[in-house]
C-alpha atoms as a PDB file:
ATOM      1  CA  UNK A   1      35.322  39.811  -0.619  1.00  0.00           C
ATOM      2  CA  UNK A   2      36.483  37.461  -3.333  1.00  0.00           C
ATOM      3  CA  UNK A   3      33.504  37.356  -6.475  1.00  0.00           C
ATOM      4  CA  UNK A   4      34.107  33.769  -6.450  1.00  0.00           C
ATOM      5  CA  UNK A   5      33.383  33.107  -3.189  1.00  0.00           C
ATOM      6  CA  UNK A   6      30.337  35.283  -3.307  1.00  0.00           C
ATOM      7  CA  UNK A   7      28.478  33.466  -6.180  1.00  0.00           C
ATOM      8  CA  UNK A   8      29.930  29.725  -4.517  1.00  0.00           C
ATOM      9  CA  UNK A   9      27.803  31.226  -1.580  1.00  0.00           C
ATOM     10  CA  UNK A  10      24.826  32.419  -4.078  1.00  0.00           C
ATOM     11  CA  UNK A  11      24.617  28.666  -5.586  1.00  0.00           C
ATOM     12  CA  UNK A  12      24.934  26.672  -2.703  1.00  0.00           C
ATOM     13  CA  UNK A  13      21.703  28.832  -1.261  1.00  0.00           C
ATOM     14  CA  UNK A  14      20.014  28.623  -4.623  1.00  0.00           C
ATOM     15  CA  UNK A  15      20.798  24.885  -4.787  1.00  0.00           C
ATOM     16  CA  UNK A  16      19.673  24.602  -0.893  1.00  0.00           C
ATOM     17  CA  UNK A  17      16.154  26.635  -2.002  1.00  0.00           C
ATOM     18  CA  UNK A  18      15.658  24.132  -4.484  1.00  0.00           C
ATOM     19  CA  UNK A  19      16.638  20.640  -2.635  1.00  0.00           C
ATOM     20  CA  UNK A  20      15.369  20.679   0.645  1.00  0.00           C
ATOM     21  CA  UNK A  21      11.526  21.696  -0.365  1.00  0.00           C
ATOM     22  CA  UNK A  22      12.213  19.224  -3.432  1.00  0.00           C
ATOM     23  CA  UNK A  23      13.314  16.635  -0.931  1.00  0.00           C
ATOM     24  CA  UNK A  24      10.306  16.947   1.380  1.00  0.00           C
ATOM     25  CA  UNK A  25       7.975  16.804  -1.035  1.00  0.00           C
ATOM     26  CA  UNK A  26       9.077  13.804  -2.796  1.00  0.00           C
ATOM     27  CA  UNK A  27       9.494  11.941   0.717  1.00  0.00           C
ATOM     28  CA  UNK A  28       5.865  12.755   1.498  1.00  0.00           C
ATOM     29  CA  UNK A  29       4.947  11.481  -1.644  1.00  0.00           C
ATOM     30  CA  UNK A  30       6.622   8.288  -1.460  1.00  0.00           C
ATOM     31  CA  UNK A  31       5.361   7.649   1.825  1.00  0.00           C
ATOM     32  CA  UNK A  32       1.840   8.141   0.321  1.00  0.00           C
ATOM     33  CA  UNK A  33       2.218   6.086  -2.180  1.00  0.00           C
ATOM     34  CA  UNK A  34       3.648   3.117  -0.271  1.00  0.00           C
ATOM     35  CA  UNK A  35       1.737   3.584   3.031  1.00  0.00           C
ATOM     36  CA  UNK A  36       0.199   0.377   4.378  1.00  0.00           C
ATOM     37  CA  UNK A  37      -2.555  -0.678   6.345  1.00  0.00           C
ATOM     38  CA  UNK A  38      -5.200   2.013   5.315  1.00  0.00           C
ATOM     39  CA  UNK A  39      -8.088  -0.532   5.499  1.00  0.00           C
ATOM     40  CA  UNK A  40      -6.687  -1.556   9.214  1.00  0.00           C
ATOM     41  CA  UNK A  41      -7.612   0.164  12.057  1.00  0.00           C
ATOM     42  CA  UNK A  42      -6.870  -0.445  15.779  1.00  0.00           C
ATOM     43  CA  UNK A  43     -10.674   0.617  17.678  1.00  0.00           C
ATOM     44  CA  UNK A  44      -9.653  -0.457  20.744  1.00  0.00           C
ATOM     45  CA  UNK A  45      -6.526  -1.779  22.998  1.00  0.00           C
ATOM     46  CA  UNK A  46      -6.515  -2.940  26.682  1.00  0.00           C
ATOM     47  CA  UNK A  47      -3.072  -3.903  28.076  1.00  0.00           C
ATOM     48  CA  UNK A  48      -3.435  -6.709  30.424  1.00  0.00           C
ATOM     49  CA  UNK A  49      -0.049  -6.747  32.239  1.00  0.00           C
ATOM     50  CA  UNK A  50       3.429  -6.858  31.073  1.00  0.00           C
ATOM     51  CA  UNK A  51       3.599  -7.628  27.699  1.00  0.00           C
ATOM     52  CA  UNK A  52       0.293  -8.856  27.303  1.00  0.00           C
ATOM     53  CA  UNK A  53      -2.441  -7.066  25.583  1.00  0.00           C
ATOM     54  CA  UNK A  54      -6.072  -7.554  23.862  1.00  0.00           C
ATOM     55  CA  UNK A  55      -6.645  -5.514  20.278  1.00  0.00           C
ATOM     56  CA  UNK A  56     -10.205  -4.913  18.546  1.00  0.00           C
ATOM     57  CA  UNK A  57      -9.028  -4.486  15.109  1.00  0.00           C
ATOM     58  CA  UNK A  58     -11.209  -3.373  12.136  1.00  0.00           C
ATOM     59  CA  UNK A  59     -10.098  -4.814   8.521  1.00  0.00           C
ATOM     60  CA  UNK A  60     -12.593  -4.066   5.873  1.00  0.00           C
ATOM     61  CA  UNK A  61     -16.398  -5.192   6.957  1.00  0.00           C
ATOM     62  CA  UNK A  62     -14.712  -7.223  10.217  1.00  0.00           C
ATOM     63  CA  UNK A  63     -13.656  -7.003  13.886  1.00  0.00           C
ATOM     64  CA  UNK A  64     -11.250  -9.333  15.170  1.00  0.00           C
ATOM     65  CA  UNK A  65     -10.526  -9.886  18.673  1.00  0.00           C
ATOM     66  CA  UNK A  66      -6.495 -10.712  18.917  1.00  0.00           C
ATOM     67  CA  UNK A  67      -4.793 -11.788  22.363  1.00  0.00           C
ATOM     68  CA  UNK A  68      -0.974 -10.300  21.691  1.00  0.00           C
ATOM     69  CA  UNK A  69       1.946 -11.422  23.853  1.00  0.00           C
ATOM     70  CA  UNK A  70       5.607 -11.495  23.047  1.00  0.00           C
ATOM     71  CA  UNK A  71       5.537 -14.806  21.976  1.00  0.00           C
ATOM     72  CA  UNK A  72       2.460 -14.880  19.536  1.00  0.00           C
ATOM     73  CA  UNK A  73      -0.691 -13.158  17.961  1.00  0.00           C
ATOM     74  CA  UNK A  74      -3.877 -15.475  18.891  1.00  0.00           C
ATOM     75  CA  UNK A  75      -7.167 -14.598  17.408  1.00  0.00           C
ATOM     76  CA  UNK A  76      -9.990 -14.484  19.959  1.00  0.00           C
ATOM     77  CA  UNK A  77     -13.095 -13.964  18.033  1.00  0.00           C
ATOM     78  CA  UNK A  78     -14.377 -12.247  14.854  1.00  0.00           C
ATOM     79  CA  UNK A  79     -17.729 -10.553  14.004  1.00  0.00           C
ATOM     80  CA  UNK A  80     -18.829  -8.113  11.156  1.00  0.00           C
ATOM     81  CA  UNK A  81     -18.648  -4.757  11.679  1.00  0.00           C
ATOM     82  CA  UNK A  82     -21.937  -3.451  12.648  1.00  0.00           C
ATOM     83  CA  UNK A  83     -23.873  -0.503  10.581  1.00  0.00           C
ATOM     84  CA  UNK A  84     -23.188   2.288  12.028  1.00  0.00           C
ATOM     85  CA  UNK A  85     -19.766   1.747  11.891  1.00  0.00           C
ATOM     86  CA  UNK A  86     -19.446   1.085   8.299  1.00  0.00           C
ATOM     87  CA  UNK A  87     -20.838   4.740   7.954  1.00  0.00           C
ATOM     88  CA  UNK A  88     -18.361   6.161   9.941  1.00  0.00           C
ATOM     89  CA  UNK A  89     -15.629   4.402   8.101  1.00  0.00           C
ATOM     90  CA  UNK A  90     -17.007   6.092   4.620  1.00  0.00           C
ATOM     91  CA  UNK A  91     -17.329   9.330   5.952  1.00  0.00           C
END
């Protein structure tokens, strides 16, 4: 075999060994840094039929009941989160 071919393959393998893990960790870091909605949680969802659902969404210290269809999202009710739920979120 040609020596230059062997060295080319070795350089290719070394480059892949460095680039692939680096790309993996950079994309994970970027995804965690730009991750939105960390305070927003869907507590419950109820499907009401085709393209209709109810969602209980917790955001900070409140619960929101949302009616969702293809055309709209409607706020049906909002309440403060019970103290027992706040303890679960903080743990």
